[in-house]
Amino acid sequence: MSYKNGNRANVLNRWYSRNKEGLNRQAARTPFKGEPQYTFDELFISPFTHAFTADNEGRAGYTPIKRNLSPTGINILDDYLQALHRGHSDIADFCDRYNARTSDLDGLIFLLTGMTNQDFRNRWILKTADLLLRYTDMTVEEIARRSGAGTRTNLHFIYERDLNTSPHRPSPRFTQAR
């Protein structure tokens, strides 16, 4: 098989490069017009069931956190949020349960939150991982599995891409919040 005029290079460039020009380029998503019905914080389900509290007299204890596991009343969306809460971030498996396409779920998330499903999932993984890193003594492998990133390597790449840090080095914006 011969590749004339650099066709092999074009094919390899299309599949493996991070080039934003040419055939590999994806169309820019138009911004959401209108007001999103839900914010991310309204939909997020905390991985914790209790919070540590102390009163003025120095007595400490744990109080239950009020969690709403069905914040929207939309069955498929609430099931999706609960799946993310359990650390199951595979969209295809979730959609197979409802005999739906992944694009259907992507559109639902986009219309209700104003963000893409990929952004929504990554933000969910990051927030869950940050909470677990900050308040537990779990290993990074356990946190990656529990947050939905899957592996330690995936969690590392998500942190590098979105926060320019690693899960081993806390981000300056999180160390200031402590």
N, C-alpha and C. Protein backbone atom coordinates (compact mmCIF):
# COMPACT_ATOMS: atom_id res chain seq x y z
N MET A 1 0.85 -1.17 0.00
CA MET A 1 0.00 0.00 0.00
C MET A 1 0.89 1.23 0.00
N SER A 2 0.68 2.10 -0.94
CA SER A 2 1.50 3.30 -1.02
C SER A 2 0.65 4.52 -0.67
N TYR A 3 1.31 5.47 -0.07
CA TYR A 3 0.65 6.70 0.33
C TYR A 3 1.24 7.84 -0.49
N LYS A 4 0.47 8.31 -1.46
CA LYS A 4 0.93 9.38 -2.33
C LYS A 4 0.55 10.73 -1.74
N ASN A 5 1.39 11.68 -2.01
CA ASN A 5 1.13 13.08 -1.63
C ASN A 5 0.93 13.25 -0.13
N GLY A 6 1.54 12.40 0.68
CA GLY A 6 1.45 12.59 2.12
C GLY A 6 0.12 12.23 2.72
N ASN A 7 -0.66 11.37 2.07
CA ASN A 7 -1.98 11.00 2.61
C ASN A 7 -1.85 10.32 3.96
N ARG A 8 -0.80 9.51 4.13
CA ARG A 8 -0.61 8.82 5.41
C ARG A 8 -0.43 9.85 6.54
N ALA A 9 0.34 10.90 6.25
CA ALA A 9 0.56 11.93 7.25
C ALA A 9 -0.75 12.66 7.58
N ASN A 10 -1.57 12.88 6.56
CA ASN A 10 -2.86 13.54 6.80
C ASN A 10 -3.77 12.68 7.67
N VAL A 11 -3.78 11.38 7.39
CA VAL A 11 -4.63 10.48 8.18
C VAL A 11 -4.13 10.43 9.62
N LEU A 12 -2.83 10.29 9.81
CA LEU A 12 -2.28 10.26 11.16
C LEU A 12 -2.53 11.57 11.88
N ASN A 13 -2.40 12.67 11.16
CA ASN A 13 -2.64 13.98 11.76
C ASN A 13 -4.09 14.12 12.20
N ARG A 14 -5.01 13.61 11.38
CA ARG A 14 -6.43 13.68 11.72
C ARG A 14 -6.75 12.93 12.99
N TRP A 15 -6.16 11.76 13.16
CA TRP A 15 -6.51 10.91 14.29
C TRP A 15 -5.73 11.20 15.56
N TYR A 16 -4.46 11.56 15.42
CA TYR A 16 -3.60 11.60 16.60
C TYR A 16 -3.11 12.97 17.01
N SER A 17 -3.33 13.98 16.21
CA SER A 17 -2.78 15.28 16.57
C SER A 17 -3.79 16.07 17.38
N ARG A 18 -3.29 17.08 18.04
CA ARG A 18 -4.15 18.01 18.77
C ARG A 18 -4.37 19.27 17.95
N ASN A 19 -4.19 19.11 16.66
CA ASN A 19 -4.32 20.22 15.74
C ASN A 19 -5.78 20.65 15.67
N LYS A 20 -6.04 21.93 15.85
CA LYS A 20 -7.40 22.44 15.84
C LYS A 20 -7.83 22.89 14.46
N GLU A 21 -7.01 22.65 13.47
CA GLU A 21 -7.35 23.05 12.12
C GLU A 21 -7.57 21.81 11.27
N GLY A 22 -8.24 21.98 10.17
CA GLY A 22 -8.42 20.88 9.24
C GLY A 22 -9.58 19.98 9.61
N LEU A 23 -9.46 18.71 9.22
CA LEU A 23 -10.56 17.77 9.39
C LEU A 23 -10.79 17.37 10.83
N ASN A 24 -9.77 17.49 11.69
CA ASN A 24 -9.89 17.07 13.09
C ASN A 24 -10.64 18.10 13.93
N ARG A 25 -10.83 19.29 13.39
CA ARG A 25 -11.44 20.37 14.14
C ARG A 25 -12.92 20.12 14.34
N GLN A 26 -13.39 20.33 15.56
CA GLN A 26 -14.81 20.21 15.84
C GLN A 26 -15.44 21.60 15.81
N ALA A 27 -16.67 21.64 15.40
CA ALA A 27 -17.38 22.92 15.36
C ALA A 27 -17.56 23.45 16.77
N ALA A 28 -17.41 24.74 16.93
CA ALA A 28 -17.59 25.35 18.24
C ALA A 28 -19.05 25.27 18.63
N ARG A 29 -19.28 24.93 19.88
CA ARG A 29 -20.65 24.83 20.38
C ARG A 29 -21.19 26.23 20.63
N THR A 30 -22.40 26.46 20.15
CA THR A 30 -23.00 27.76 20.37
C THR A 30 -23.36 27.89 21.85
N PRO A 31 -23.20 29.06 22.41
CA PRO A 31 -23.53 29.23 23.83
C PRO A 31 -25.02 29.06 24.07
N PHE A 32 -25.34 28.67 25.28
CA PHE A 32 -26.73 28.46 25.67
C PHE A 32 -27.44 29.80 25.73
N LYS A 33 -28.57 29.89 25.07
CA LYS A 33 -29.35 31.12 25.10
C LYS A 33 -30.45 30.94 26.12
N GLY A 34 -30.53 31.82 27.03
CA GLY A 34 -31.55 31.73 28.06
C GLY A 34 -30.93 31.42 29.40
N GLU A 35 -31.77 31.24 30.38
CA GLU A 35 -31.33 30.98 31.74
C GLU A 35 -31.40 29.48 32.00
N PRO A 36 -30.28 28.87 32.45
CA PRO A 36 -30.34 27.44 32.79
C PRO A 36 -31.32 27.21 33.94
N GLN A 37 -32.02 26.09 33.88
CA GLN A 37 -33.02 25.80 34.91
C GLN A 37 -32.35 25.40 36.22
N TYR A 38 -31.18 24.75 36.15
CA TYR A 38 -30.48 24.28 37.34
C TYR A 38 -29.02 24.70 37.28
N THR A 39 -28.46 25.03 38.43
CA THR A 39 -27.02 25.26 38.51
C THR A 39 -26.36 23.95 38.92
N PHE A 40 -25.06 23.88 38.73
CA PHE A 40 -24.33 22.67 39.10
C PHE A 40 -24.46 22.39 40.59
N ASP A 41 -24.35 23.43 41.41
CA ASP A 41 -24.40 23.25 42.86
C ASP A 41 -25.77 22.77 43.33
N GLU A 42 -26.83 23.10 42.61
CA GLU A 42 -28.15 22.59 42.98
C GLU A 42 -28.28 21.10 42.71
N LEU A 43 -27.55 20.60 41.73
CA LEU A 43 -27.66 19.20 41.34
C LEU A 43 -26.62 18.30 42.02
N PHE A 44 -25.54 18.87 42.51
CA PHE A 44 -24.46 18.07 43.07
C PHE A 44 -24.91 17.38 44.36
N ILE A 45 -24.58 16.08 44.47
CA ILE A 45 -24.88 15.30 45.66
C ILE A 45 -23.57 15.05 46.38
N SER A 46 -23.47 15.50 47.60
CA SER A 46 -22.23 15.38 48.37
C SER A 46 -21.93 13.91 48.66
N PRO A 47 -20.63 13.55 48.65
CA PRO A 47 -20.28 12.17 48.99
C PRO A 47 -20.38 11.88 50.48
N PHE A 48 -20.62 12.90 51.29
CA PHE A 48 -20.66 12.72 52.74
C PHE A 48 -22.10 12.72 53.25
N THR A 49 -22.32 11.99 54.33
CA THR A 49 -23.64 11.94 54.95
C THR A 49 -23.69 12.75 56.23
N HIS A 50 -22.53 13.03 56.85
CA HIS A 50 -22.46 13.78 58.10
C HIS A 50 -21.39 14.85 58.02
N ALA A 51 -21.58 15.92 58.79
CA ALA A 51 -20.60 16.99 58.88
C ALA A 51 -20.12 17.12 60.32
N PHE A 52 -18.86 17.44 60.49
CA PHE A 52 -18.29 17.65 61.82
C PHE A 52 -18.65 19.05 62.28
N THR A 53 -19.24 19.15 63.47
CA THR A 53 -19.61 20.46 64.00
C THR A 53 -19.15 20.58 65.44
N ALA A 54 -18.93 21.80 65.85
CA ALA A 54 -18.57 22.09 67.25
C ALA A 54 -19.37 23.30 67.70
N ASP A 55 -19.78 23.28 68.97
CA ASP A 55 -20.52 24.42 69.49
C ASP A 55 -19.59 25.35 70.25
N ASN A 56 -20.14 26.42 70.83
CA ASN A 56 -19.34 27.42 71.53
C ASN A 56 -18.67 26.88 72.78
N GLU A 57 -19.21 25.83 73.35
CA GLU A 57 -18.65 25.27 74.57
C GLU A 57 -17.59 24.21 74.30
N GLY A 58 -17.27 23.98 73.04
CA GLY A 58 -16.22 23.04 72.69
C GLY A 58 -16.69 21.61 72.49
N ARG A 59 -17.98 21.37 72.56
CA ARG A 59 -18.50 20.03 72.31
C ARG A 59 -18.55 19.80 70.81
N ALA A 60 -18.00 18.68 70.41
CA ALA A 60 -17.95 18.36 68.99
C ALA A 60 -18.79 17.13 68.71
N GLY A 61 -19.23 17.04 67.49
CA GLY A 61 -20.01 15.88 67.08
C GLY A 61 -20.29 15.93 65.59
N TYR A 62 -21.01 14.95 65.15
CA TYR A 62 -21.37 14.87 63.73
C TYR A 62 -22.87 15.07 63.59
N THR A 63 -23.23 15.92 62.65
CA THR A 63 -24.64 16.15 62.36
C THR A 63 -24.93 15.69 60.94
N PRO A 64 -26.09 15.12 60.72
CA PRO A 64 -26.43 14.65 59.37
C PRO A 64 -26.54 15.81 58.39
N ILE A 65 -26.09 15.57 57.19
CA ILE A 65 -26.21 16.54 56.10
C ILE A 65 -27.50 16.24 55.36
N LYS A 66 -28.29 17.27 55.14
CA LYS A 66 -29.52 17.10 54.38
C LYS A 66 -29.14 16.96 52.90
N ARG A 67 -29.43 15.79 52.34
CA ARG A 67 -29.12 15.55 50.94
C ARG A 67 -30.40 15.23 50.20
N ASN A 68 -30.55 15.81 49.04
CA ASN A 68 -31.68 15.53 48.18
C ASN A 68 -31.18 14.67 47.03
N LEU A 69 -31.56 13.39 47.02
CA LEU A 69 -31.10 12.48 45.99
C LEU A 69 -31.93 12.58 44.71
N SER A 70 -33.00 13.33 44.73
CA SER A 70 -33.83 13.57 43.54
C SER A 70 -34.11 15.07 43.44
N PRO A 71 -33.10 15.87 43.10
CA PRO A 71 -33.29 17.32 43.14
C PRO A 71 -34.16 17.89 42.03
N THR A 72 -34.36 17.16 40.94
CA THR A 72 -35.08 17.75 39.81
C THR A 72 -36.50 17.25 39.67
N GLY A 73 -36.76 16.03 40.07
CA GLY A 73 -38.08 15.44 39.82
C GLY A 73 -38.17 14.83 38.43
N ILE A 74 -37.11 14.93 37.64
CA ILE A 74 -37.04 14.30 36.32
C ILE A 74 -36.33 12.96 36.53
N ASN A 75 -37.06 11.87 36.36
CA ASN A 75 -36.54 10.55 36.74
C ASN A 75 -35.21 10.21 36.10
N ILE A 76 -35.08 10.40 34.80
CA ILE A 76 -33.84 10.00 34.13
C ILE A 76 -32.67 10.88 34.59
N LEU A 77 -32.90 12.16 34.80
CA LEU A 77 -31.84 13.04 35.26
C LEU A 77 -31.45 12.71 36.70
N ASP A 78 -32.42 12.45 37.55
CA ASP A 78 -32.11 12.08 38.93
C ASP A 78 -31.36 10.76 38.99
N ASP A 79 -31.72 9.80 38.14
CA ASP A 79 -30.99 8.53 38.08
C ASP A 79 -29.55 8.75 37.61
N TYR A 80 -29.38 9.67 36.65
CA TYR A 80 -28.03 9.98 36.16
C TYR A 80 -27.19 10.62 37.27
N LEU A 81 -27.78 11.54 38.02
CA LEU A 81 -27.06 12.18 39.12
C LEU A 81 -26.67 11.16 40.19
N GLN A 82 -27.57 10.22 40.46
CA GLN A 82 -27.26 9.19 41.44
C GLN A 82 -26.18 8.25 40.93
N ALA A 83 -26.16 7.98 39.62
CA ALA A 83 -25.10 7.16 39.04
C ALA A 83 -23.75 7.87 39.17
N LEU A 84 -23.72 9.17 38.90
CA LEU A 84 -22.49 9.93 39.07
C LEU A 84 -22.07 9.94 40.54
N HIS A 85 -23.04 10.04 41.43
CA HIS A 85 -22.77 10.04 42.87
C HIS A 85 -22.13 8.71 43.31
N ARG A 86 -22.55 7.61 42.69
CA ARG A 86 -21.99 6.30 43.01
C ARG A 86 -20.65 6.06 42.33
N GLY A 87 -20.21 6.99 41.46
CA GLY A 87 -18.92 6.86 40.79
C GLY A 87 -19.01 6.18 39.44
N HIS A 88 -20.20 6.04 38.89
CA HIS A 88 -20.39 5.43 37.57
C HIS A 88 -20.53 6.54 36.54
N SER A 89 -19.45 6.84 35.84
CA SER A 89 -19.50 7.96 34.90
C SER A 89 -19.57 7.52 33.45
N ASP A 90 -19.82 6.23 33.18
CA ASP A 90 -19.92 5.73 31.81
C ASP A 90 -21.31 6.05 31.27
N ILE A 91 -21.37 6.95 30.31
CA ILE A 91 -22.64 7.41 29.78
C ILE A 91 -23.32 6.33 28.96
N ALA A 92 -22.54 5.57 28.18
CA ALA A 92 -23.13 4.56 27.31
C ALA A 92 -23.85 3.49 28.12
N ASP A 93 -23.26 3.03 29.20
CA ASP A 93 -23.92 2.04 30.04
C ASP A 93 -25.20 2.60 30.64
N PHE A 94 -25.16 3.85 31.07
CA PHE A 94 -26.35 4.46 31.64
C PHE A 94 -27.45 4.57 30.60
N CYS A 95 -27.11 5.02 29.40
CA CYS A 95 -28.12 5.19 28.35
C CYS A 95 -28.70 3.85 27.90
N ASP A 96 -27.91 2.79 27.93
CA ASP A 96 -28.42 1.47 27.56
C ASP A 96 -29.56 1.04 28.47
N ARG A 97 -29.54 1.44 29.72
CA ARG A 97 -30.62 1.08 30.65
C ARG A 97 -31.96 1.67 30.21
N TYR A 98 -31.91 2.81 29.53
CA TYR A 98 -33.13 3.49 29.09
C TYR A 98 -33.37 3.36 27.59
N ASN A 99 -32.53 2.59 26.91
CA ASN A 99 -32.61 2.44 25.46
C ASN A 99 -32.58 3.82 24.78
N ALA A 100 -31.68 4.67 25.27
CA ALA A 100 -31.55 6.03 24.75
C ALA A 100 -30.16 6.19 24.14
N ARG A 101 -29.99 7.23 23.36
CA ARG A 101 -28.68 7.55 22.79
C ARG A 101 -27.95 8.51 23.73
N THR A 102 -26.64 8.47 23.66
CA THR A 102 -25.87 9.38 24.51
C THR A 102 -26.15 10.83 24.13
N SER A 103 -26.44 11.08 22.87
CA SER A 103 -26.75 12.45 22.46
C SER A 103 -28.04 12.95 23.11
N ASP A 104 -28.97 12.03 23.42
CA ASP A 104 -30.20 12.43 24.12
C ASP A 104 -29.86 12.97 25.51
N LEU A 105 -29.02 12.24 26.23
CA LEU A 105 -28.62 12.67 27.57
C LEU A 105 -27.79 13.95 27.50
N ASP A 106 -26.91 14.04 26.50
CA ASP A 106 -26.11 15.25 26.33
C ASP A 106 -27.02 16.47 26.13
N GLY A 107 -28.05 16.32 25.31
CA GLY A 107 -28.97 17.42 25.06
C GLY A 107 -29.77 17.79 26.30
N LEU A 108 -30.18 16.79 27.07
CA LEU A 108 -30.92 17.06 28.30
C LEU A 108 -30.08 17.85 29.29
N ILE A 109 -28.83 17.42 29.48
CA ILE A 109 -27.94 18.12 30.41
C ILE A 109 -27.68 19.54 29.91
N PHE A 110 -27.48 19.70 28.60
CA PHE A 110 -27.20 21.02 28.05
C PHE A 110 -28.40 21.96 28.23
N LEU A 111 -29.59 21.46 27.97
CA LEU A 111 -30.78 22.31 28.08
C LEU A 111 -31.09 22.70 29.53
N LEU A 112 -30.83 21.80 30.47
CA LEU A 112 -31.19 22.09 31.85
C LEU A 112 -30.10 22.83 32.63
N THR A 113 -28.83 22.67 32.23
CA THR A 113 -27.75 23.30 32.99
C THR A 113 -26.99 24.37 32.21
N GLY A 114 -27.09 24.34 30.89
CA GLY A 114 -26.34 25.30 30.09
C GLY A 114 -24.90 24.90 29.87
N MET A 115 -24.51 23.69 30.30
CA MET A 115 -23.13 23.22 30.07
C MET A 115 -23.20 21.86 29.40
N THR A 116 -22.13 21.52 28.70
CA THR A 116 -22.11 20.23 28.03
C THR A 116 -22.02 19.11 29.05
N ASN A 117 -22.42 17.92 28.65
CA ASN A 117 -22.38 16.79 29.57
C ASN A 117 -20.95 16.46 29.97
N GLN A 118 -20.01 16.60 29.04
CA GLN A 118 -18.61 16.34 29.38
C GLN A 118 -18.12 17.32 30.44
N ASP A 119 -18.44 18.59 30.28
CA ASP A 119 -18.06 19.58 31.29
C ASP A 119 -18.74 19.29 32.63
N PHE A 120 -20.01 18.89 32.57
CA PHE A 120 -20.76 18.58 33.78
C PHE A 120 -20.12 17.39 34.52
N ARG A 121 -19.82 16.32 33.78
CA ARG A 121 -19.20 15.14 34.39
C ARG A 121 -17.82 15.45 34.97
N ASN A 122 -17.01 16.18 34.20
CA ASN A 122 -15.67 16.52 34.69
C ASN A 122 -15.75 17.39 35.94
N ARG A 123 -16.68 18.31 35.96
CA ARG A 123 -16.84 19.16 37.14
C ARG A 123 -17.30 18.32 38.33
N TRP A 124 -18.17 17.35 38.09
CA TRP A 124 -18.64 16.45 39.15
C TRP A 124 -17.47 15.63 39.70
N ILE A 125 -16.65 15.09 38.80
CA ILE A 125 -15.50 14.28 39.22
C ILE A 125 -14.53 15.13 40.03
N LEU A 126 -14.25 16.34 39.55
CA LEU A 126 -13.32 17.22 40.26
C LEU A 126 -13.84 17.62 41.64
N LYS A 127 -15.10 17.96 41.73
CA LYS A 127 -15.63 18.39 43.03
C LYS A 127 -15.66 17.23 44.02
N THR A 128 -16.05 16.04 43.56
CA THR A 128 -16.06 14.87 44.43
C THR A 128 -14.64 14.54 44.88
N ALA A 129 -13.71 14.54 43.93
CA ALA A 129 -12.31 14.23 44.27
C ALA A 129 -11.74 15.26 45.24
N ASP A 130 -12.03 16.54 45.03
CA ASP A 130 -11.53 17.58 45.93
C ASP A 130 -12.06 17.39 47.34
N LEU A 131 -13.34 17.10 47.46
CA LEU A 131 -13.91 16.88 48.79
C LEU A 131 -13.28 15.67 49.47
N LEU A 132 -13.12 14.59 48.72
CA LEU A 132 -12.53 13.38 49.30
C LEU A 132 -11.06 13.58 49.65
N LEU A 133 -10.33 14.30 48.82
CA LEU A 133 -8.91 14.58 49.12
C LEU A 133 -8.79 15.45 50.37
N ARG A 134 -9.68 16.40 50.50
CA ARG A 134 -9.60 17.36 51.59
C ARG A 134 -10.03 16.77 52.93
N TYR A 135 -11.06 15.95 52.94
CA TYR A 135 -11.68 15.55 54.20
C TYR A 135 -11.55 14.08 54.56
N THR A 136 -10.86 13.29 53.76
CA THR A 136 -10.68 11.88 54.09
C THR A 136 -9.21 11.51 54.02
N ASP A 137 -8.90 10.31 54.47
CA ASP A 137 -7.53 9.80 54.34
C ASP A 137 -7.47 8.68 53.32
N MET A 138 -8.37 8.70 52.36
CA MET A 138 -8.39 7.69 51.30
C MET A 138 -7.17 7.86 50.40
N THR A 139 -6.74 6.77 49.78
CA THR A 139 -5.64 6.84 48.82
C THR A 139 -6.15 7.47 47.53
N VAL A 140 -5.23 7.91 46.68
CA VAL A 140 -5.61 8.53 45.41
C VAL A 140 -6.33 7.52 44.53
N GLU A 141 -5.92 6.24 44.59
CA GLU A 141 -6.58 5.20 43.80
C GLU A 141 -8.05 5.06 44.22
N GLU A 142 -8.31 5.06 45.53
CA GLU A 142 -9.68 4.95 46.02
C GLU A 142 -10.50 6.17 45.64
N ILE A 143 -9.89 7.34 45.72
CA ILE A 143 -10.58 8.58 45.37
C ILE A 143 -10.90 8.60 43.88
N ALA A 144 -9.98 8.15 43.05
CA ALA A 144 -10.22 8.11 41.60
C ALA A 144 -11.39 7.19 41.28
N ARG A 145 -11.43 6.04 41.93
CA ARG A 145 -12.52 5.10 41.69
C ARG A 145 -13.85 5.67 42.21
N ARG A 146 -13.83 6.23 43.39
CA ARG A 146 -15.06 6.75 44.03
C ARG A 146 -15.61 7.99 43.32
N SER A 147 -14.71 8.81 42.78
CA SER A 147 -15.15 10.04 42.13
C SER A 147 -15.67 9.81 40.71
N GLY A 148 -15.34 8.68 40.11
CA GLY A 148 -15.80 8.41 38.76
C GLY A 148 -14.71 8.57 37.72
N ALA A 149 -13.51 8.98 38.13
CA ALA A 149 -12.41 9.11 37.17
C ALA A 149 -11.91 7.74 36.71
N GLY A 150 -12.07 6.74 37.54
CA GLY A 150 -11.68 5.38 37.17
C GLY A 150 -10.33 4.99 37.73
N THR A 151 -9.28 5.60 37.20
CA THR A 151 -7.93 5.25 37.64
C THR A 151 -7.21 6.49 38.14
N ARG A 152 -6.13 6.23 38.83
CA ARG A 152 -5.29 7.31 39.34
C ARG A 152 -4.75 8.17 38.19
N THR A 153 -4.40 7.53 37.09
CA THR A 153 -3.87 8.24 35.92
C THR A 153 -4.93 9.17 35.33
N ASN A 154 -6.15 8.67 35.18
CA ASN A 154 -7.23 9.53 34.66
C ASN A 154 -7.46 10.73 35.55
N LEU A 155 -7.48 10.50 36.86
CA LEU A 155 -7.68 11.61 37.80
C LEU A 155 -6.55 12.63 37.67
N HIS A 156 -5.33 12.13 37.52
CA HIS A 156 -4.18 13.03 37.37
C HIS A 156 -4.34 13.90 36.11
N PHE A 157 -4.74 13.29 34.98
CA PHE A 157 -4.88 14.05 33.75
C PHE A 157 -6.03 15.06 33.83
N ILE A 158 -7.11 14.71 34.52
CA ILE A 158 -8.21 15.66 34.69
C ILE A 158 -7.75 16.85 35.51
N TYR A 159 -6.99 16.60 36.58
CA TYR A 159 -6.45 17.70 37.39
C TYR A 159 -5.49 18.56 36.58
N GLU A 160 -4.61 17.92 35.84
CA GLU A 160 -3.63 18.68 35.03
C GLU A 160 -4.34 19.55 34.00
N ARG A 161 -5.33 18.99 33.32
CA ARG A 161 -6.01 19.73 32.26
C ARG A 161 -6.84 20.88 32.81
N ASP A 162 -7.58 20.64 33.88
CA ASP A 162 -8.53 21.65 34.35
C ASP A 162 -7.97 22.58 35.41
N LEU A 163 -7.03 22.12 36.24
CA LEU A 163 -6.54 22.93 37.35
C LEU A 163 -5.05 23.24 37.29
N ASN A 164 -4.34 22.69 36.31
CA ASN A 164 -2.89 22.85 36.19
C ASN A 164 -2.15 22.44 37.46
N THR A 165 -2.59 21.37 38.07
CA THR A 165 -1.95 20.82 39.25
C THR A 165 -2.20 19.32 39.24
N SER A 166 -1.76 18.63 40.26
CA SER A 166 -2.04 17.21 40.36
C SER A 166 -2.80 16.94 41.64
N PRO A 167 -3.43 15.77 41.76
CA PRO A 167 -4.15 15.48 42.99
C PRO A 167 -3.21 15.34 44.19
N HIS A 168 -1.93 15.19 43.94
CA HIS A 168 -0.96 15.06 45.02
C HIS A 168 -0.56 16.41 45.58
N ARG A 169 -0.59 17.46 44.73
CA ARG A 169 -0.29 18.82 45.17
C ARG A 169 -1.60 19.59 45.19
N PRO A 170 -2.05 20.03 46.33
CA PRO A 170 -3.30 20.78 46.36
C PRO A 170 -3.18 22.10 45.60
N SER A 171 -4.23 22.48 44.95
CA SER A 171 -4.26 23.73 44.21
C SER A 171 -4.23 24.90 45.18
N PRO A 172 -3.58 26.01 44.83
CA PRO A 172 -3.53 27.16 45.74
C PRO A 172 -4.91 27.67 46.13
N ARG A 173 -5.89 27.58 45.23
CA ARG A 173 -7.21 28.10 45.58
C ARG A 173 -7.89 27.21 46.61
N PHE A 174 -7.50 25.93 46.72
CA PHE A 174 -8.09 25.05 47.73
C PHE A 174 -7.33 25.15 49.05
N THR A 175 -6.04 25.42 49.00
CA THR A 175 -5.30 25.54 50.27
C THR A 175 -5.68 26.85 50.97
N GLN A 176 -6.05 27.88 50.21
CA GLN A 176 -6.48 29.12 50.82
C GLN A 176 -7.84 28.98 51.48
N ALA A 177 -8.66 28.06 50.98
CA ALA A 177 -10.01 27.87 51.51
C ALA A 177 -10.01 27.10 52.82
N ARG A 178 -8.94 26.44 53.16
CA ARG A 178 -8.90 25.62 54.38
C ARG A 178 -8.88 26.44 55.62
